[in-house]
Amino acid sequence: MLACPFCGAPETARIDLEGERFLVFRCMFSPRVDPAQPDDRLAQELAATYAAGSGTAYFRGMCDTLHLHVTKGAGARELLAASPPSPTDR
């Protein structure tokens, strides 16, 4: 079992989806990793990639991805379809 490189929270799940693996930690940090990578190398990779300061790029990328999903992607279509008419539209 691995630990979150930011806060030390334990790993709670591994999700294999369409040839990719996502590790899920109790703190909800969920990095994408190589499914063929052994655990000892995964721990090193997480520490090198995220704990060494480059993790901000990961979080910025996730923020941008979520923003696009909600403003222009499927999330936007769902949100706009479920929105009641605004007072100015009546």
N, C-alpha and C. Protein backbone atom coordinates (compact mmCIF):
# COMPACT_ATOMS: atom_id res chain seq x y z
N MET A 1 0.85 -1.17 0.00
CA MET A 1 0.00 0.00 0.00
C MET A 1 0.89 1.24 0.00
N LEU A 2 0.54 2.21 -0.82
CA LEU A 2 1.31 3.44 -0.95
C LEU A 2 0.70 4.54 -0.08
N ALA A 3 1.46 5.62 0.09
CA ALA A 3 0.98 6.77 0.85
C ALA A 3 1.01 8.01 -0.04
N CYS A 4 0.10 8.91 0.20
CA CYS A 4 0.04 10.17 -0.54
C CYS A 4 1.34 10.94 -0.33
N PRO A 5 1.96 11.40 -1.41
CA PRO A 5 3.22 12.13 -1.26
C PRO A 5 3.04 13.53 -0.65
N PHE A 6 1.81 14.02 -0.55
CA PHE A 6 1.56 15.34 0.02
C PHE A 6 1.28 15.27 1.51
N CYS A 7 0.36 14.37 1.89
CA CYS A 7 -0.07 14.35 3.29
C CYS A 7 0.16 13.03 4.01
N GLY A 8 0.56 11.99 3.27
CA GLY A 8 0.82 10.69 3.89
C GLY A 8 -0.42 9.81 4.06
N ALA A 9 -1.57 10.24 3.55
CA ALA A 9 -2.80 9.44 3.65
C ALA A 9 -2.60 8.11 2.91
N PRO A 10 -3.16 7.04 3.43
CA PRO A 10 -2.97 5.73 2.79
C PRO A 10 -3.77 5.60 1.49
N GLU A 11 -3.28 4.74 0.64
CA GLU A 11 -3.98 4.40 -0.60
C GLU A 11 -5.23 3.62 -0.23
N THR A 12 -6.34 3.94 -0.89
CA THR A 12 -7.59 3.24 -0.58
C THR A 12 -8.10 2.40 -1.75
N ALA A 13 -7.65 2.70 -2.97
CA ALA A 13 -8.14 1.93 -4.12
C ALA A 13 -7.20 2.11 -5.31
N ARG A 14 -7.31 1.15 -6.22
CA ARG A 14 -6.65 1.23 -7.52
C ARG A 14 -7.72 0.98 -8.56
N ILE A 15 -7.82 1.88 -9.49
CA ILE A 15 -8.85 1.76 -10.51
C ILE A 15 -8.16 1.62 -11.86
N ASP A 16 -8.41 0.49 -12.54
CA ASP A 16 -7.89 0.26 -13.88
C ASP A 16 -9.02 0.57 -14.85
N LEU A 17 -8.74 1.51 -15.76
CA LEU A 17 -9.78 1.97 -16.68
C LEU A 17 -9.17 2.25 -18.03
N GLU A 18 -9.61 1.54 -19.04
CA GLU A 18 -9.18 1.74 -20.41
C GLU A 18 -7.66 1.77 -20.55
N GLY A 19 -7.00 0.81 -19.92
CA GLY A 19 -5.55 0.68 -20.04
C GLY A 19 -4.75 1.61 -19.15
N GLU A 20 -5.41 2.36 -18.30
CA GLU A 20 -4.71 3.26 -17.39
C GLU A 20 -5.06 2.89 -15.96
N ARG A 21 -4.19 3.26 -15.04
CA ARG A 21 -4.44 2.99 -13.62
C ARG A 21 -4.44 4.31 -12.86
N PHE A 22 -5.40 4.42 -11.96
CA PHE A 22 -5.49 5.57 -11.07
C PHE A 22 -5.38 5.06 -9.65
N LEU A 23 -4.50 5.68 -8.87
CA LEU A 23 -4.40 5.37 -7.46
C LEU A 23 -5.30 6.36 -6.73
N VAL A 24 -6.02 5.89 -5.73
CA VAL A 24 -6.89 6.77 -4.96
C VAL A 24 -6.42 6.72 -3.51
N PHE A 25 -6.17 7.89 -2.95
CA PHE A 25 -5.74 7.99 -1.57
C PHE A 25 -6.88 8.54 -0.72
N ARG A 26 -6.82 8.30 0.58
CA ARG A 26 -7.90 8.72 1.48
C ARG A 26 -8.16 10.22 1.38
N CYS A 27 -7.15 11.01 1.05
CA CYS A 27 -7.31 12.46 0.93
C CYS A 27 -7.91 12.87 -0.42
N MET A 28 -8.20 11.89 -1.29
CA MET A 28 -8.82 12.06 -2.60
C MET A 28 -7.82 12.42 -3.70
N PHE A 29 -6.52 12.48 -3.40
CA PHE A 29 -5.51 12.64 -4.44
C PHE A 29 -5.55 11.36 -5.27
N SER A 30 -5.69 11.48 -6.59
CA SER A 30 -5.87 10.32 -7.47
C SER A 30 -5.02 10.44 -8.73
N PRO A 31 -3.71 10.20 -8.61
CA PRO A 31 -2.85 10.34 -9.79
C PRO A 31 -3.01 9.18 -10.77
N ARG A 32 -2.75 9.47 -12.04
CA ARG A 32 -2.72 8.46 -13.09
C ARG A 32 -1.30 7.90 -13.12
N VAL A 33 -1.18 6.57 -13.12
CA VAL A 33 0.14 5.93 -13.12
C VAL A 33 0.18 4.81 -14.17
N ASP A 34 1.39 4.38 -14.48
CA ASP A 34 1.59 3.28 -15.42
C ASP A 34 1.17 1.97 -14.73
N PRO A 35 0.20 1.22 -15.29
CA PRO A 35 -0.26 0.00 -14.64
C PRO A 35 0.81 -1.09 -14.56
N ALA A 36 1.85 -1.00 -15.37
CA ALA A 36 2.90 -2.02 -15.35
C ALA A 36 4.00 -1.71 -14.32
N GLN A 37 3.94 -0.54 -13.73
CA GLN A 37 4.98 -0.11 -12.79
C GLN A 37 4.83 -0.85 -11.45
N PRO A 38 5.91 -1.49 -10.94
CA PRO A 38 5.84 -2.15 -9.63
C PRO A 38 5.71 -1.12 -8.50
N ASP A 39 5.17 -1.57 -7.36
CA ASP A 39 4.90 -0.66 -6.24
C ASP A 39 6.12 0.12 -5.78
N ASP A 40 7.30 -0.52 -5.71
CA ASP A 40 8.46 0.20 -5.22
C ASP A 40 8.84 1.34 -6.15
N ARG A 41 8.66 1.15 -7.43
CA ARG A 41 8.93 2.22 -8.40
C ARG A 41 7.82 3.27 -8.37
N LEU A 42 6.58 2.85 -8.12
CA LEU A 42 5.47 3.82 -8.03
C LEU A 42 5.71 4.81 -6.90
N ALA A 43 6.15 4.31 -5.76
CA ALA A 43 6.41 5.20 -4.62
C ALA A 43 7.47 6.23 -4.98
N GLN A 44 8.52 5.79 -5.66
CA GLN A 44 9.58 6.70 -6.08
C GLN A 44 9.05 7.71 -7.09
N GLU A 45 8.24 7.23 -8.03
CA GLU A 45 7.69 8.11 -9.07
C GLU A 45 6.77 9.17 -8.47
N LEU A 46 5.91 8.76 -7.52
CA LEU A 46 5.02 9.72 -6.88
C LEU A 46 5.81 10.79 -6.14
N ALA A 47 6.83 10.36 -5.41
CA ALA A 47 7.66 11.31 -4.66
C ALA A 47 8.38 12.27 -5.61
N ALA A 48 8.93 11.74 -6.68
CA ALA A 48 9.68 12.58 -7.62
C ALA A 48 8.76 13.52 -8.40
N THR A 49 7.61 13.03 -8.80
CA THR A 49 6.72 13.81 -9.66
C THR A 49 5.89 14.82 -8.88
N TYR A 50 5.37 14.42 -7.72
CA TYR A 50 4.42 15.27 -7.02
C TYR A 50 4.98 15.95 -5.78
N ALA A 51 5.68 15.23 -4.94
CA ALA A 51 6.14 15.80 -3.68
C ALA A 51 7.29 16.78 -3.87
N ALA A 52 8.01 16.68 -4.96
CA ALA A 52 9.18 17.54 -5.18
C ALA A 52 8.81 18.92 -5.70
N GLY A 53 7.56 19.29 -5.68
CA GLY A 53 7.17 20.62 -6.09
C GLY A 53 6.52 20.68 -7.46
N SER A 54 6.67 19.65 -8.26
CA SER A 54 6.06 19.69 -9.58
C SER A 54 4.59 19.29 -9.52
N GLY A 55 4.11 18.93 -8.34
CA GLY A 55 2.72 18.57 -8.18
C GLY A 55 1.77 19.72 -8.48
N THR A 56 2.25 20.94 -8.36
CA THR A 56 1.38 22.07 -8.67
C THR A 56 0.94 22.04 -10.12
N ALA A 57 1.81 21.54 -11.01
CA ALA A 57 1.42 21.40 -12.42
C ALA A 57 0.30 20.39 -12.56
N TYR A 58 0.35 19.31 -11.79
CA TYR A 58 -0.71 18.31 -11.83
C TYR A 58 -2.04 18.93 -11.41
N PHE A 59 -2.02 19.64 -10.28
CA PHE A 59 -3.26 20.22 -9.78
C PHE A 59 -3.78 21.31 -10.70
N ARG A 60 -2.89 22.07 -11.29
CA ARG A 60 -3.32 23.11 -12.25
C ARG A 60 -3.96 22.45 -13.47
N GLY A 61 -3.36 21.36 -13.95
CA GLY A 61 -3.93 20.64 -15.09
C GLY A 61 -5.29 20.06 -14.78
N MET A 62 -5.45 19.51 -13.58
CA MET A 62 -6.75 18.96 -13.19
C MET A 62 -7.79 20.07 -13.08
N CYS A 63 -7.39 21.19 -12.52
CA CYS A 63 -8.29 22.33 -12.39
C CYS A 63 -8.75 22.80 -13.78
N ASP A 64 -7.80 22.90 -14.70
CA ASP A 64 -8.14 23.32 -16.06
C ASP A 64 -9.08 22.33 -16.73
N THR A 65 -8.81 21.04 -16.55
CA THR A 65 -9.65 19.99 -17.14
C THR A 65 -11.07 20.07 -16.59
N LEU A 66 -11.19 20.20 -15.28
CA LEU A 66 -12.53 20.28 -14.67
C LEU A 66 -13.24 21.56 -15.12
N HIS A 67 -12.51 22.64 -15.23
CA HIS A 67 -13.11 23.90 -15.68
C HIS A 67 -13.68 23.74 -17.09
N LEU A 68 -12.92 23.14 -17.99
CA LEU A 68 -13.40 22.93 -19.36
C LEU A 68 -14.61 22.00 -19.38
N HIS A 69 -14.59 20.95 -18.55
CA HIS A 69 -15.71 20.01 -18.49
C HIS A 69 -16.99 20.73 -18.08
N VAL A 70 -16.87 21.59 -17.10
CA VAL A 70 -18.05 22.27 -16.56
C VAL A 70 -18.50 23.43 -17.44
N THR A 71 -17.58 24.08 -18.15
CA THR A 71 -17.97 25.24 -18.93
C THR A 71 -18.25 24.94 -20.40
N LYS A 72 -17.63 23.90 -20.95
CA LYS A 72 -17.79 23.64 -22.38
C LYS A 72 -18.10 22.20 -22.73
N GLY A 73 -17.89 21.28 -21.80
CA GLY A 73 -18.05 19.86 -22.11
C GLY A 73 -19.39 19.31 -21.68
N ALA A 74 -19.38 18.01 -21.41
CA ALA A 74 -20.61 17.31 -21.01
C ALA A 74 -21.19 17.91 -19.74
N GLY A 75 -20.33 18.34 -18.82
CA GLY A 75 -20.81 18.94 -17.59
C GLY A 75 -21.63 20.20 -17.85
N ALA A 76 -21.18 21.00 -18.78
CA ALA A 76 -21.92 22.23 -19.12
C ALA A 76 -23.27 21.90 -19.72
N ARG A 77 -23.31 20.91 -20.59
CA ARG A 77 -24.59 20.54 -21.20
C ARG A 77 -25.57 20.06 -20.13
N GLU A 78 -25.08 19.28 -19.16
CA GLU A 78 -25.95 18.81 -18.09
C GLU A 78 -26.42 19.96 -17.22
N LEU A 79 -25.47 20.81 -16.83
CA LEU A 79 -25.83 21.93 -15.96
C LEU A 79 -26.80 22.88 -16.63
N LEU A 80 -26.58 23.18 -17.89
CA LEU A 80 -27.46 24.11 -18.60
C LEU A 80 -28.84 23.50 -18.84
N ALA A 81 -28.90 22.22 -19.09
CA ALA A 81 -30.19 21.56 -19.32
C ALA A 81 -31.02 21.53 -18.03
N ALA A 82 -30.33 21.45 -16.90
CA ALA A 82 -31.05 21.34 -15.61
C ALA A 82 -31.32 22.70 -14.99
N SER A 83 -30.81 23.76 -15.57
CA SER A 83 -30.98 25.10 -14.98
C SER A 83 -32.40 25.62 -15.21
N PRO A 84 -33.00 26.16 -14.17
CA PRO A 84 -34.30 26.80 -14.36
C PRO A 84 -34.11 28.10 -15.14
N PRO A 85 -35.13 28.58 -15.78
CA PRO A 85 -35.00 29.84 -16.52
C PRO A 85 -34.66 30.98 -15.56
N SER A 86 -33.86 31.88 -16.02
CA SER A 86 -33.50 33.03 -15.18
C SER A 86 -34.68 33.99 -15.12
N PRO A 87 -34.73 34.87 -14.11
CA PRO A 87 -35.85 35.83 -14.00
C PRO A 87 -35.96 36.74 -15.21
N THR A 88 -34.86 37.01 -15.89
CA THR A 88 -34.92 37.90 -17.05
C THR A 88 -35.49 37.20 -18.27
N ASP A 89 -35.54 35.85 -18.26
CA ASP A 89 -36.08 35.11 -19.39
C ASP A 89 -37.61 34.97 -19.33
N ARG A 90 -38.20 35.37 -18.25
CA ARG A 90 -39.65 35.17 -18.08
C ARG A 90 -40.44 36.28 -18.68
